[in-house]
Amino acid sequence: MMNFDDYQKRAKKTKIYPVEEIIRYPALGLAGECGEVCEIIKKYTRDNLWNPDLEDDIKQFDKMTAKVELELGDVLWYVANLADDLGLSLQTIATKNINKLRDRQRRNVLHGEGDDR
């Protein structure tokens, strides 16, 4: 199984953007891909396909899930390369994020607002 750092190394090998566009290119790409994920879910919502009891809705949900999965892969690629451009380890980012969330959970402030909880 691949860990975050392995993924980051493999994603880096597929970078083709100019060196003068480091940081900016993956940041803008990340925003675009996140938008694509939201767009898929928006259309699913617009068409009111959220009834899990209807067989047709289940099929549509499976199609939507497959599309979102592909787009989330693109999101991950941009996150990995943005982190790399900044000299950051994706594994470290993931570990620190889980530690932060566990601490918030322990202190019962997961539902709060702001970064300094």
PDB file of N, CA and C in Angstrom:
ATOM      1  N   MET A   1       0.842  -1.175   0.000  1.00  0.00           N
ATOM      2  CA  MET A   1       0.000   0.000   0.000  1.00  0.00           C
ATOM      3  C   MET A   1       0.890   1.243   0.000  1.00  0.00           C
ATOM      4  N   MET A   2       0.418   2.268  -0.681  1.00  0.00           N
ATOM      5  CA  MET A   2       1.172   3.508  -0.820  1.00  0.00           C
ATOM      6  C   MET A   2       0.869   4.452   0.339  1.00  0.00           C
ATOM      7  N   ASN A   3       1.913   5.091   0.893  1.00  0.00           N
ATOM      8  CA  ASN A   3       1.670   6.113   1.910  1.00  0.00           C
ATOM      9  C   ASN A   3       1.692   7.482   1.232  1.00  0.00           C
ATOM     10  N   PHE A   4       1.441   8.527   1.991  1.00  0.00           N
ATOM     11  CA  PHE A   4       1.360   9.870   1.419  1.00  0.00           C
ATOM     12  C   PHE A   4       2.673  10.306   0.768  1.00  0.00           C
ATOM     13  N   ASP A   5       3.790  10.017   1.409  1.00  0.00           N
ATOM     14  CA  ASP A   5       5.063  10.425   0.825  1.00  0.00           C
ATOM     15  C   ASP A   5       5.343   9.678  -0.472  1.00  0.00           C
ATOM     16  N   ASP A   6       4.981   8.393  -0.540  1.00  0.00           N
ATOM     17  CA  ASP A   6       5.132   7.647  -1.786  1.00  0.00           C
ATOM     18  C   ASP A   6       4.290   8.287  -2.885  1.00  0.00           C
ATOM     19  N   TYR A   7       3.054   8.608  -2.559  1.00  0.00           N
ATOM     20  CA  TYR A   7       2.181   9.249  -3.532  1.00  0.00           C
ATOM     21  C   TYR A   7       2.786  10.576  -3.996  1.00  0.00           C
ATOM     22  N   GLN A   8       3.273  11.358  -3.051  1.00  0.00           N
ATOM     23  CA  GLN A   8       3.838  12.664  -3.387  1.00  0.00           C
ATOM     24  C   GLN A   8       5.020  12.509  -4.350  1.00  0.00           C
ATOM     25  N   LYS A   9       5.882  11.540  -4.098  1.00  0.00           N
ATOM     26  CA  LYS A   9       7.025  11.310  -4.979  1.00  0.00           C
ATOM     27  C   LYS A   9       6.570  10.910  -6.383  1.00  0.00           C
ATOM     28  N   ARG A  10       5.544  10.063  -6.445  1.00  0.00           N
ATOM     29  CA  ARG A  10       5.045   9.621  -7.751  1.00  0.00           C
ATOM     30  C   ARG A  10       4.325  10.760  -8.478  1.00  0.00           C
ATOM     31  N   ALA A  11       3.581  11.560  -7.739  1.00  0.00           N
ATOM     32  CA  ALA A  11       2.879  12.696  -8.347  1.00  0.00           C
ATOM     33  C   ALA A  11       3.887  13.703  -8.891  1.00  0.00           C
ATOM     34  N   LYS A  12       4.959  13.917  -8.160  1.00  0.00           N
ATOM     35  CA  LYS A  12       5.993  14.875  -8.573  1.00  0.00           C
ATOM     36  C   LYS A  12       6.578  14.493  -9.929  1.00  0.00           C
ATOM     37  N   LYS A  13       6.701  13.209 -10.184  1.00  0.00           N
ATOM     38  CA  LYS A  13       7.269  12.746 -11.452  1.00  0.00           C
ATOM     39  C   LYS A  13       6.371  13.088 -12.641  1.00  0.00           C
ATOM     40  N   THR A  14       5.111  13.439 -12.393  1.00  0.00           N
ATOM     41  CA  THR A  14       4.199  13.757 -13.492  1.00  0.00           C
ATOM     42  C   THR A  14       3.972  15.265 -13.637  1.00  0.00           C
ATOM     43  N   LYS A  15       4.701  16.067 -12.865  1.00  0.00           N
ATOM     44  CA  LYS A  15       4.584  17.526 -12.984  1.00  0.00           C
ATOM     45  C   LYS A  15       5.149  17.972 -14.327  1.00  0.00           C
ATOM     46  N   ILE A  16       4.415  18.863 -14.991  1.00  0.00           N
ATOM     47  CA  ILE A  16       4.930  19.400 -16.252  1.00  0.00           C
ATOM     48  C   ILE A  16       4.801  20.924 -16.321  1.00  0.00           C
ATOM     49  N   TYR A  17       4.446  21.555 -15.211  1.00  0.00           N
ATOM     50  CA  TYR A  17       4.304  23.005 -15.262  1.00  0.00           C
ATOM     51  C   TYR A  17       5.659  23.689 -15.113  1.00  0.00           C
ATOM     52  N   PRO A  18       5.777  24.905 -15.677  1.00  0.00           N
ATOM     53  CA  PRO A  18       7.058  25.615 -15.653  1.00  0.00           C
ATOM     54  C   PRO A  18       7.519  25.927 -14.234  1.00  0.00           C
ATOM     55  N   VAL A  19       8.823  25.921 -14.038  1.00  0.00           N
ATOM     56  CA  VAL A  19       9.394  26.170 -12.714  1.00  0.00           C
ATOM     57  C   VAL A  19       8.998  27.543 -12.187  1.00  0.00           C
ATOM     58  N   GLU A  20       8.811  28.508 -13.076  1.00  0.00           N
ATOM     59  CA  GLU A  20       8.409  29.842 -12.609  1.00  0.00           C
ATOM     60  C   GLU A  20       6.954  29.872 -12.135  1.00  0.00           C
ATOM     61  N   GLU A  21       6.236  28.792 -12.351  1.00  0.00           N
ATOM     62  CA  GLU A  21       4.836  28.713 -11.910  1.00  0.00           C
ATOM     63  C   GLU A  21       4.654  27.820 -10.678  1.00  0.00           C
ATOM     64  N   ILE A  22       5.777  27.434 -10.037  1.00  0.00           N
ATOM     65  CA  ILE A  22       5.621  26.610  -8.837  1.00  0.00           C
ATOM     66  C   ILE A  22       4.782  27.394  -7.830  1.00  0.00           C
ATOM     67  N   ILE A  23       4.092  26.699  -7.032  1.00  0.00           N
ATOM     68  CA  ILE A  23       3.161  27.191  -6.018  1.00  0.00           C
ATOM     69  C   ILE A  23       1.887  27.724  -6.673  1.00  0.00           C
ATOM     70  N   ARG A  24       2.019  28.687  -7.587  1.00  0.00           N
ATOM     71  CA  ARG A  24       0.830  29.291  -8.195  1.00  0.00           C
ATOM     72  C   ARG A  24       0.036  28.260  -9.012  1.00  0.00           C
ATOM     73  N   TYR A  25       0.703  27.494  -9.877  1.00  0.00           N
ATOM     74  CA  TYR A  25       0.002  26.548 -10.742  1.00  0.00           C
ATOM     75  C   TYR A  25      -0.771  25.487  -9.940  1.00  0.00           C
ATOM     76  N   PRO A  26      -0.136  24.801  -8.993  1.00  0.00           N
ATOM     77  CA  PRO A  26      -0.909  23.798  -8.258  1.00  0.00           C
ATOM     78  C   PRO A  26      -1.977  24.411  -7.353  1.00  0.00           C
ATOM     79  N   ALA A  27      -1.755  25.619  -6.844  1.00  0.00           N
ATOM     80  CA  ALA A  27      -2.778  26.268  -6.010  1.00  0.00           C
ATOM     81  C   ALA A  27      -4.025  26.568  -6.841  1.00  0.00           C
ATOM     82  N   LEU A  28      -3.826  27.106  -8.033  1.00  0.00           N
ATOM     83  CA  LEU A  28      -4.968  27.397  -8.903  1.00  0.00           C
ATOM     84  C   LEU A  28      -5.632  26.112  -9.390  1.00  0.00           C
ATOM     85  N   GLY A  29      -4.830  25.107  -9.692  1.00  0.00           N
ATOM     86  CA  GLY A  29      -5.386  23.815 -10.101  1.00  0.00           C
ATOM     87  C   GLY A  29      -6.207  23.178  -8.992  1.00  0.00           C
ATOM     88  N   LEU A  30      -5.731  23.308  -7.769  1.00  0.00           N
ATOM     89  CA  LEU A  30      -6.453  22.774  -6.614  1.00  0.00           C
ATOM     90  C   LEU A  30      -7.827  23.429  -6.492  1.00  0.00           C
ATOM     91  N   ALA A  31      -7.858  24.746  -6.641  1.00  0.00           N
ATOM     92  CA  ALA A  31      -9.139  25.457  -6.563  1.00  0.00           C
ATOM     93  C   ALA A  31     -10.085  24.973  -7.653  1.00  0.00           C
ATOM     94  N   GLY A  32      -9.562  24.798  -8.858  1.00  0.00           N
ATOM     95  CA  GLY A  32     -10.392  24.330  -9.962  1.00  0.00           C
ATOM     96  C   GLY A  32     -10.931  22.935  -9.731  1.00  0.00           C
ATOM     97  N   GLU A  33     -10.091  22.036  -9.266  1.00  0.00           N
ATOM     98  CA  GLU A  33     -10.532  20.653  -9.046  1.00  0.00           C
ATOM     99  C   GLU A  33     -11.533  20.557  -7.897  1.00  0.00           C
ATOM    100  N   CYS A  34     -11.321  21.352  -6.842  1.00  0.00           N
ATOM    101  CA  CYS A  34     -12.304  21.377  -5.754  1.00  0.00           C
ATOM    102  C   CYS A  34     -13.650  21.868  -6.292  1.00  0.00           C
ATOM    103  N   GLY A  35     -13.599  22.844  -7.180  1.00  0.00           N
ATOM    104  CA  GLY A  35     -14.816  23.333  -7.811  1.00  0.00           C
ATOM    105  C   GLY A  35     -15.506  22.250  -8.620  1.00  0.00           C
ATOM    106  N   GLU A  36     -14.737  21.422  -9.310  1.00  0.00           N
ATOM    107  CA  GLU A  36     -15.329  20.335 -10.087  1.00  0.00           C
ATOM    108  C   GLU A  36     -16.023  19.318  -9.185  1.00  0.00           C
ATOM    109  N   VAL A  37     -15.427  19.009  -8.043  1.00  0.00           N
ATOM    110  CA  VAL A  37     -16.077  18.112  -7.082  1.00  0.00           C
ATOM    111  C   VAL A  37     -17.414  18.708  -6.651  1.00  0.00           C
ATOM    112  N   CYS A  38     -17.402  19.973  -6.296  1.00  0.00           N
ATOM    113  CA  CYS A  38     -18.626  20.647  -5.846  1.00  0.00           C
ATOM    114  C   CYS A  38     -19.665  20.720  -6.959  1.00  0.00           C
ATOM    115  N   GLU A  39     -19.225  20.926  -8.175  1.00  0.00           N
ATOM    116  CA  GLU A  39     -20.142  21.014  -9.311  1.00  0.00           C
ATOM    117  C   GLU A  39     -20.892  19.698  -9.527  1.00  0.00           C
ATOM    118  N   ILE A  40     -20.196  18.589  -9.408  1.00  0.00           N
ATOM    119  CA  ILE A  40     -20.845  17.283  -9.547  1.00  0.00           C
ATOM    120  C   ILE A  40     -21.920  17.115  -8.479  1.00  0.00           C
ATOM    121  N   ILE A  41     -21.581  17.426  -7.243  1.00  0.00           N
ATOM    122  CA  ILE A  41     -22.530  17.277  -6.137  1.00  0.00           C
ATOM    123  C   ILE A  41     -23.681  18.270  -6.279  1.00  0.00           C
ATOM    124  N   LYS A  42     -23.390  19.481  -6.747  1.00  0.00           N
ATOM    125  CA  LYS A  42     -24.444  20.489  -6.976  1.00  0.00           C
ATOM    126  C   LYS A  42     -25.474  19.977  -7.972  1.00  0.00           C
ATOM    127  N   LYS A  43     -25.009  19.399  -9.073  1.00  0.00           N
ATOM    128  CA  LYS A  43     -25.937  18.900 -10.094  1.00  0.00           C
ATOM    129  C   LYS A  43     -26.756  17.737  -9.553  1.00  0.00           C
ATOM    130  N   TYR A  44     -26.134  16.895  -8.761  1.00  0.00           N
ATOM    131  CA  TYR A  44     -26.849  15.787  -8.139  1.00  0.00           C
ATOM    132  C   TYR A  44     -27.935  16.321  -7.222  1.00  0.00           C
ATOM    133  N   THR A  45     -27.606  17.380  -6.484  1.00  0.00           N
ATOM    134  CA  THR A  45     -28.568  18.022  -5.586  1.00  0.00           C
ATOM    135  C   THR A  45     -29.682  18.686  -6.387  1.00  0.00           C
ATOM    136  N   ARG A  46     -29.308  19.409  -7.431  1.00  0.00           N
ATOM    137  CA  ARG A  46     -30.289  20.095  -8.276  1.00  0.00           C
ATOM    138  C   ARG A  46     -31.329  19.114  -8.822  1.00  0.00           C
ATOM    139  N   ASP A  47     -30.868  17.935  -9.223  1.00  0.00           N
ATOM    140  CA  ASP A  47     -31.766  16.940  -9.795  1.00  0.00           C
ATOM    141  C   ASP A  47     -32.466  16.099  -8.740  1.00  0.00           C
ATOM    142  N   ASN A  48     -32.259  16.448  -7.464  1.00  0.00           N
ATOM    143  CA  ASN A  48     -32.943  15.816  -6.334  1.00  0.00           C
ATOM    144  C   ASN A  48     -32.802  14.293  -6.341  1.00  0.00           C
ATOM    145  N   LEU A  49     -31.585  13.832  -6.431  1.00  0.00           N
ATOM    146  CA  LEU A  49     -31.324  12.392  -6.514  1.00  0.00           C
ATOM    147  C   LEU A  49     -30.756  11.844  -5.200  1.00  0.00           C
ATOM    148  N   TRP A  50     -31.385  12.193  -4.097  1.00  0.00           N
ATOM    149  CA  TRP A  50     -30.860  11.799  -2.796  1.00  0.00           C
ATOM    150  C   TRP A  50     -31.722  10.775  -2.078  1.00  0.00           C
ATOM    151  N   ASN A  51     -32.622  10.102  -2.761  1.00  0.00           N
ATOM    152  CA  ASN A  51     -33.488   9.115  -2.112  1.00  0.00           C
ATOM    153  C   ASN A  51     -32.854   7.731  -2.234  1.00  0.00           C
ATOM    154  N   PRO A  52     -32.250   7.236  -1.172  1.00  0.00           N
ATOM    155  CA  PRO A  52     -31.564   5.933  -1.251  1.00  0.00           C
ATOM    156  C   PRO A  52     -32.515   4.753  -1.382  1.00  0.00           C
ATOM    157  N   ASP A  53     -33.816   4.982  -1.276  1.00  0.00           N
ATOM    158  CA  ASP A  53     -34.776   3.887  -1.401  1.00  0.00           C
ATOM    159  C   ASP A  53     -35.171   3.626  -2.850  1.00  0.00           C
ATOM    160  N   LEU A  54     -34.876   4.537  -3.729  1.00  0.00           N
ATOM    161  CA  LEU A  54     -35.238   4.380  -5.132  1.00  0.00           C
ATOM    162  C   LEU A  54     -34.073   3.794  -5.912  1.00  0.00           C
ATOM    163  N   GLU A  55     -34.346   2.710  -6.644  1.00  0.00           N
ATOM    164  CA  GLU A  55     -33.285   2.008  -7.359  1.00  0.00           C
ATOM    165  C   GLU A  55     -32.570   2.911  -8.364  1.00  0.00           C
ATOM    166  N   ASP A  56     -33.314   3.748  -9.082  1.00  0.00           N
ATOM    167  CA  ASP A  56     -32.692   4.652 -10.050  1.00  0.00           C
ATOM    168  C   ASP A  56     -31.768   5.649  -9.357  1.00  0.00           C
ATOM    169  N   ASP A  57     -32.171   6.112  -8.172  1.00  0.00           N
ATOM    170  CA  ASP A  57     -31.332   7.054  -7.431  1.00  0.00           C
ATOM    171  C   ASP A  57     -30.042   6.387  -6.960  1.00  0.00           C
ATOM    172  N   ILE A  58     -30.131   5.120  -6.587  1.00  0.00           N
ATOM    173  CA  ILE A  58     -28.937   4.388  -6.160  1.00  0.00           C
ATOM    174  C   ILE A  58     -27.954   4.297  -7.325  1.00  0.00           C
ATOM    175  N   LYS A  59     -28.453   4.012  -8.527  1.00  0.00           N
ATOM    176  CA  LYS A  59     -27.587   3.946  -9.705  1.00  0.00           C
ATOM    177  C   LYS A  59     -26.962   5.309  -9.983  1.00  0.00           C
ATOM    178  N   GLN A  60     -27.748   6.368  -9.874  1.00  0.00           N
ATOM    179  CA  GLN A  60     -27.232   7.714 -10.097  1.00  0.00           C
ATOM    180  C   GLN A  60     -26.192   8.073  -9.036  1.00  0.00           C
ATOM    181  N   PHE A  61     -26.467   7.654  -7.790  1.00  0.00           N
ATOM    182  CA  PHE A  61     -25.513   7.920  -6.711  1.00  0.00           C
ATOM    183  C   PHE A  61     -24.184   7.233  -6.997  1.00  0.00           C
ATOM    184  N   ASP A  62     -24.246   5.996  -7.473  1.00  0.00           N
ATOM    185  CA  ASP A  62     -23.018   5.272  -7.799  1.00  0.00           C
ATOM    186  C   ASP A  62     -22.246   5.967  -8.917  1.00  0.00           C
ATOM    187  N   LYS A  63     -22.957   6.507  -9.907  1.00  0.00           N
ATOM    188  CA  LYS A  63     -22.296   7.250 -10.987  1.00  0.00           C
ATOM    189  C   LYS A  63     -21.641   8.515 -10.446  1.00  0.00           C
ATOM    190  N   MET A  64     -22.377   9.218  -9.589  1.00  0.00           N
ATOM    191  CA  MET A  64     -21.838  10.438  -9.008  1.00  0.00           C
ATOM    192  C   MET A  64     -20.594  10.123  -8.179  1.00  0.00           C
ATOM    193  N   THR A  65     -20.663   9.073  -7.385  1.00  0.00           N
ATOM    194  CA  THR A  65     -19.542   8.681  -6.538  1.00  0.00           C
ATOM    195  C   THR A  65     -18.302   8.375  -7.383  1.00  0.00           C
ATOM    196  N   ALA A  66     -18.492   7.693  -8.496  1.00  0.00           N
ATOM    197  CA  ALA A  66     -17.363   7.367  -9.374  1.00  0.00           C
ATOM    198  C   ALA A  66     -16.745   8.639  -9.954  1.00  0.00           C
ATOM    199  N   LYS A  67     -17.580   9.598 -10.342  1.00  0.00           N
ATOM    200  CA  LYS A  67     -17.067  10.864 -10.874  1.00  0.00           C
ATOM    201  C   LYS A  67     -16.314  11.640  -9.790  1.00  0.00           C
ATOM    202  N   VAL A  68     -16.880  11.683  -8.604  1.00  0.00           N
ATOM    203  CA  VAL A  68     -16.233  12.405  -7.502  1.00  0.00           C
ATOM    204  C   VAL A  68     -14.904  11.749  -7.158  1.00  0.00           C
ATOM    205  N   GLU A  69     -14.857  10.435  -7.172  1.00  0.00           N
ATOM    206  CA  GLU A  69     -13.610   9.732  -6.877  1.00  0.00           C
ATOM    207  C   GLU A  69     -12.493  10.160  -7.836  1.00  0.00           C
ATOM    208  N   LEU A  70     -12.806  10.261  -9.119  1.00  0.00           N
ATOM    209  CA  LEU A  70     -11.805  10.691 -10.095  1.00  0.00           C
ATOM    210  C   LEU A  70     -11.344  12.120  -9.823  1.00  0.00           C
ATOM    211  N   GLU A  71     -12.287  12.995  -9.533  1.00  0.00           N
ATOM    212  CA  GLU A  71     -11.936  14.387  -9.261  1.00  0.00           C
ATOM    213  C   GLU A  71     -11.139  14.518  -7.965  1.00  0.00           C
ATOM    214  N   LEU A  72     -11.471  13.728  -6.952  1.00  0.00           N
ATOM    215  CA  LEU A  72     -10.700  13.764  -5.707  1.00  0.00           C
ATOM    216  C   LEU A  72      -9.265  13.316  -5.937  1.00  0.00           C
ATOM    217  N   GLY A  73      -9.062  12.414  -6.886  1.00  0.00           N
ATOM    218  CA  GLY A  73      -7.700  12.043  -7.263  1.00  0.00           C
ATOM    219  C   GLY A  73      -6.938  13.240  -7.806  1.00  0.00           C
ATOM    220  N   ASP A  74      -7.628  14.050  -8.629  1.00  0.00           N
ATOM    221  CA  ASP A  74      -6.996  15.268  -9.144  1.00  0.00           C
ATOM    222  C   ASP A  74      -6.718  16.258  -8.018  1.00  0.00           C
ATOM    223  N   VAL A  75      -7.644  16.374  -7.077  1.00  0.00           N
ATOM    224  CA  VAL A  75      -7.434  17.237  -5.913  1.00  0.00           C
ATOM    225  C   VAL A  75      -6.176  16.792  -5.172  1.00  0.00           C
ATOM    226  N   LEU A  76      -6.046  15.498  -4.955  1.00  0.00           N
ATOM    227  CA  LEU A  76      -4.891  14.963  -4.237  1.00  0.00           C
ATOM    228  C   LEU A  76      -3.587  15.258  -4.984  1.00  0.00           C
ATOM    229  N   TRP A  77      -3.615  15.147  -6.307  1.00  0.00           N
ATOM    230  CA  TRP A  77      -2.421  15.425  -7.109  1.00  0.00           C
ATOM    231  C   TRP A  77      -1.978  16.865  -6.896  1.00  0.00           C
ATOM    232  N   TYR A  78      -2.913  17.801  -6.955  1.00  0.00           N
ATOM    233  CA  TYR A  78      -2.566  19.208  -6.768  1.00  0.00           C
ATOM    234  C   TYR A  78      -2.090  19.480  -5.333  1.00  0.00           C
ATOM    235  N   VAL A  79      -2.724  18.865  -4.356  1.00  0.00           N
ATOM    236  CA  VAL A  79      -2.277  19.038  -2.964  1.00  0.00           C
ATOM    237  C   VAL A  79      -0.845  18.518  -2.815  1.00  0.00           C
ATOM    238  N   ALA A  80      -0.587  17.342  -3.362  1.00  0.00           N
ATOM    239  CA  ALA A  80       0.747  16.746  -3.243  1.00  0.00           C
ATOM    240  C   ALA A  80       1.805  17.627  -3.896  1.00  0.00           C
ATOM    241  N   ASN A  81       1.512  18.171  -5.065  1.00  0.00           N
ATOM    242  CA  ASN A  81       2.507  18.978  -5.760  1.00  0.00           C
ATOM    243  C   ASN A  81       2.638  20.376  -5.169  1.00  0.00           C
ATOM    244  N   LEU A  82       1.565  20.930  -4.641  1.00  0.00           N
ATOM    245  CA  LEU A  82       1.672  22.206  -3.934  1.00  0.00           C
ATOM    246  C   LEU A  82       2.544  22.030  -2.694  1.00  0.00           C
ATOM    247  N   ALA A  83       2.298  20.952  -1.965  1.00  0.00           N
ATOM    248  CA  ALA A  83       3.128  20.670  -0.787  1.00  0.00           C
ATOM    249  C   ALA A  83       4.587  20.516  -1.194  1.00  0.00           C
ATOM    250  N   ASP A  84       4.840  19.784  -2.262  1.00  0.00           N
ATOM    251  CA  ASP A  84       6.209  19.592  -2.732  1.00  0.00           C
ATOM    252  C   ASP A  84       6.855  20.918  -3.120  1.00  0.00           C
ATOM    253  N   ASP A  85       6.103  21.772  -3.828  1.00  0.00           N
ATOM    254  CA  ASP A  85       6.643  23.074  -4.222  1.00  0.00           C
ATOM    255  C   ASP A  85       7.010  23.926  -3.009  1.00  0.00           C
ATOM    256  N   LEU A  86       6.309  23.712  -1.918  1.00  0.00           N
ATOM    257  CA  LEU A  86       6.573  24.458  -0.684  1.00  0.00           C
ATOM    258  C   LEU A  86       7.595  23.768   0.211  1.00  0.00           C
ATOM    259  N   GLY A  87       8.103  22.608  -0.234  1.00  0.00           N
ATOM    260  CA  GLY A  87       9.079  21.864   0.555  1.00  0.00           C
ATOM    261  C   GLY A  87       8.465  21.133   1.734  1.00  0.00           C
ATOM    262  N   LEU A  88       7.173  20.810   1.616  1.00  0.00           N
ATOM    263  CA  LEU A  88       6.456  20.140   2.701  1.00  0.00           C
ATOM    264  C   LEU A  88       6.204  18.679   2.364  1.00  0.00           C
ATOM    265  N   SER A  89       6.147  17.865   3.383  1.00  0.00           N
ATOM    266  CA  SER A  89       5.856  16.443   3.248  1.00  0.00           C
ATOM    267  C   SER A  89       4.357  16.210   3.414  1.00  0.00           C
ATOM    268  N   LEU A  90       3.756  15.549   2.436  1.00  0.00           N
ATOM    269  CA  LEU A  90       2.335  15.232   2.522  1.00  0.00           C
ATOM    270  C   LEU A  90       2.045  14.327   3.722  1.00  0.00           C
ATOM    271  N   GLN A  91       2.962  13.422   4.014  1.00  0.00           N
ATOM    272  CA  GLN A  91       2.810  12.540   5.176  1.00  0.00           C
ATOM    273  C   GLN A  91       2.789  13.353   6.471  1.00  0.00           C
ATOM    274  N   THR A  92       3.684  14.316   6.572  1.00  0.00           N
ATOM    275  CA  THR A  92       3.732  15.169   7.761  1.00  0.00           C
ATOM    276  C   THR A  92       2.472  16.021   7.876  1.00  0.00           C
ATOM    277  N   ILE A  93       2.025  16.574   6.759  1.00  0.00           N
ATOM    278  CA  ILE A  93       0.793  17.364   6.756  1.00  0.00           C
ATOM    279  C   ILE A  93      -0.372  16.532   7.267  1.00  0.00           C
ATOM    280  N   ALA A  94      -0.505  15.311   6.752  1.00  0.00           N
ATOM    281  CA  ALA A  94      -1.601  14.430   7.159  1.00  0.00           C
ATOM    282  C   ALA A  94      -1.505  14.077   8.641  1.00  0.00           C
ATOM    283  N   THR A  95      -0.315  13.761   9.091  1.00  0.00           N
ATOM    284  CA  THR A  95      -0.109  13.403  10.498  1.00  0.00           C
ATOM    285  C   THR A  95      -0.444  14.574  11.412  1.00  0.00           C
ATOM    286  N   LYS A  96       0.058  15.766  11.075  1.00  0.00           N
ATOM    287  CA  LYS A  96      -0.226  16.945  11.902  1.00  0.00           C
ATOM    288  C   LYS A  96      -1.715  17.267  11.917  1.00  0.00           C
ATOM    289  N   ASN A  97      -2.392  17.070  10.788  1.00  0.00           N
ATOM    290  CA  ASN A  97      -3.819  17.353  10.738  1.00  0.00           C
ATOM    291  C   ASN A  97      -4.604  16.404  11.635  1.00  0.00           C
ATOM    292  N   ILE A  98      -4.263  15.115  11.602  1.00  0.00           N
ATOM    293  CA  ILE A  98      -4.953  14.146  12.468  1.00  0.00           C
ATOM    294  C   ILE A  98      -4.671  14.462  13.929  1.00  0.00           C
ATOM    295  N   ASN A  99      -3.446  14.812  14.240  1.00  0.00           N
ATOM    296  CA  ASN A  99      -3.116  15.172  15.627  1.00  0.00           C
ATOM    297  C   ASN A  99      -3.911  16.387  16.087  1.00  0.00           C
ATOM    298  N   LYS A 100      -4.034  17.394  15.226  1.00  0.00           N
ATOM    299  CA  LYS A 100      -4.812  18.594  15.553  1.00  0.00           C
ATOM    300  C   LYS A 100      -6.279  18.225  15.798  1.00  0.00           C
ATOM    301  N   LEU A 101      -6.829  17.383  14.922  1.00  0.00           N
ATOM    302  CA  LEU A 101      -8.238  16.998  15.070  1.00  0.00           C
ATOM    303  C   LEU A 101      -8.476  16.145  16.310  1.00  0.00           C
ATOM    304  N   ARG A 102      -7.536  15.260  16.614  1.00  0.00           N
ATOM    305  CA  ARG A 102      -7.659  14.451  17.836  1.00  0.00           C
ATOM    306  C   ARG A 102      -7.638  15.344  19.076  1.00  0.00           C
ATOM    307  N   ASP A 103      -6.759  16.343  19.057  1.00  0.00           N
ATOM    308  CA  ASP A 103      -6.681  17.274  20.180  1.00  0.00           C
ATOM    309  C   ASP A 103      -7.992  18.042  20.323  1.00  0.00           C
ATOM    310  N   ARG A 104      -8.543  18.509  19.227  1.00  0.00           N
ATOM    311  CA  ARG A 104      -9.830  19.217  19.276  1.00  0.00           C
ATOM    312  C   ARG A 104     -10.945  18.296  19.768  1.00  0.00           C
ATOM    313  N   GLN A 105     -10.891  17.054  19.315  1.00  0.00           N
ATOM    314  CA  GLN A 105     -11.904  16.086  19.755  1.00  0.00           C
ATOM    315  C   GLN A 105     -11.782  15.849  21.258  1.00  0.00           C
ATOM    316  N   ARG A 106     -10.546  15.691  21.725  1.00  0.00           N
ATOM    317  CA  ARG A 106     -10.306  15.466  23.154  1.00  0.00           C
ATOM    318  C   ARG A 106     -10.833  16.629  23.978  1.00  0.00           C
ATOM    319  N   ARG A 107     -10.674  17.849  23.450  1.00  0.00           N
ATOM    320  CA  ARG A 107     -11.130  19.043  24.147  1.00  0.00           C
ATOM    321  C   ARG A 107     -12.581  19.413  23.806  1.00  0.00           C
ATOM    322  N   ASN A 108     -13.226  18.574  23.013  1.00  0.00           N
ATOM    323  CA  ASN A 108     -14.627  18.768  22.628  1.00  0.00           C
ATOM    324  C   ASN A 108     -14.859  20.106  21.923  1.00  0.00           C
ATOM    325  N   VAL A 109     -13.959  20.452  20.983  1.00  0.00           N
ATOM    326  CA  VAL A 109     -14.124  21.698  20.226  1.00  0.00           C
ATOM    327  C   VAL A 109     -14.096  21.449  18.709  1.00  0.00           C
ATOM    328  N   LEU A 110     -14.450  20.241  18.296  1.00  0.00           N
ATOM    329  CA  LEU A 110     -14.510  19.963  16.863  1.00  0.00           C
ATOM    330  C   LEU A 110     -15.540  20.845  16.164  1.00  0.00           C
ATOM    331  N   HIS A 111     -16.614  21.187  16.864  1.00  0.00           N
ATOM    332  CA  HIS A 111     -17.687  21.970  16.259  1.00  0.00           C
ATOM    333  C   HIS A 111     -17.470  23.472  16.365  1.00  0.00           C
ATOM    334  N   GLY A 112     -16.388  23.885  16.958  1.00  0.00           N
ATOM    335  CA  GLY A 112     -16.127  25.318  17.114  1.00  0.00           C
ATOM    336  C   GLY A 112     -15.728  25.977  15.811  1.00  0.00           C
ATOM    337  N   GLU A 113     -15.416  27.249  15.874  1.00  0.00           N
ATOM    338  CA  GLU A 113     -15.000  27.998  14.691  1.00  0.00           C
ATOM    339  C   GLU A 113     -13.601  28.551  14.883  1.00  0.00           C
ATOM    340  N   GLY A 114     -12.899  28.735  13.792  1.00  0.00           N
ATOM    341  CA  GLY A 114     -11.573  29.331  13.816  1.00  0.00           C
ATOM    342  C   GLY A 114     -10.476  28.301  13.935  1.00  0.00           C
ATOM    343  N   ASP A 115      -9.294  28.710  13.579  1.00  0.00           N
ATOM    344  CA  ASP A 115      -8.141  27.814  13.615  1.00  0.00           C
ATOM    345  C   ASP A 115      -7.557  27.617  15.011  1.00  0.00           C
ATOM    346  N   ASP A 116      -7.711  28.624  15.865  1.00  0.00           N
ATOM    347  CA  ASP A 116      -7.099  28.571  17.191  1.00  0.00           C
ATOM    348  C   ASP A 116      -8.095  28.059  18.224  1.00  0.00           C
ATOM    349  N   ARG A 117      -8.456  26.784  18.080  1.00  0.00           N
ATOM    350  CA  ARG A 117      -9.403  26.197  19.034  1.00  0.00           C
ATOM    351  C   ARG A 117      -8.664  25.236  19.942  1.00  0.00           C
TER     352      ARG A 117
END
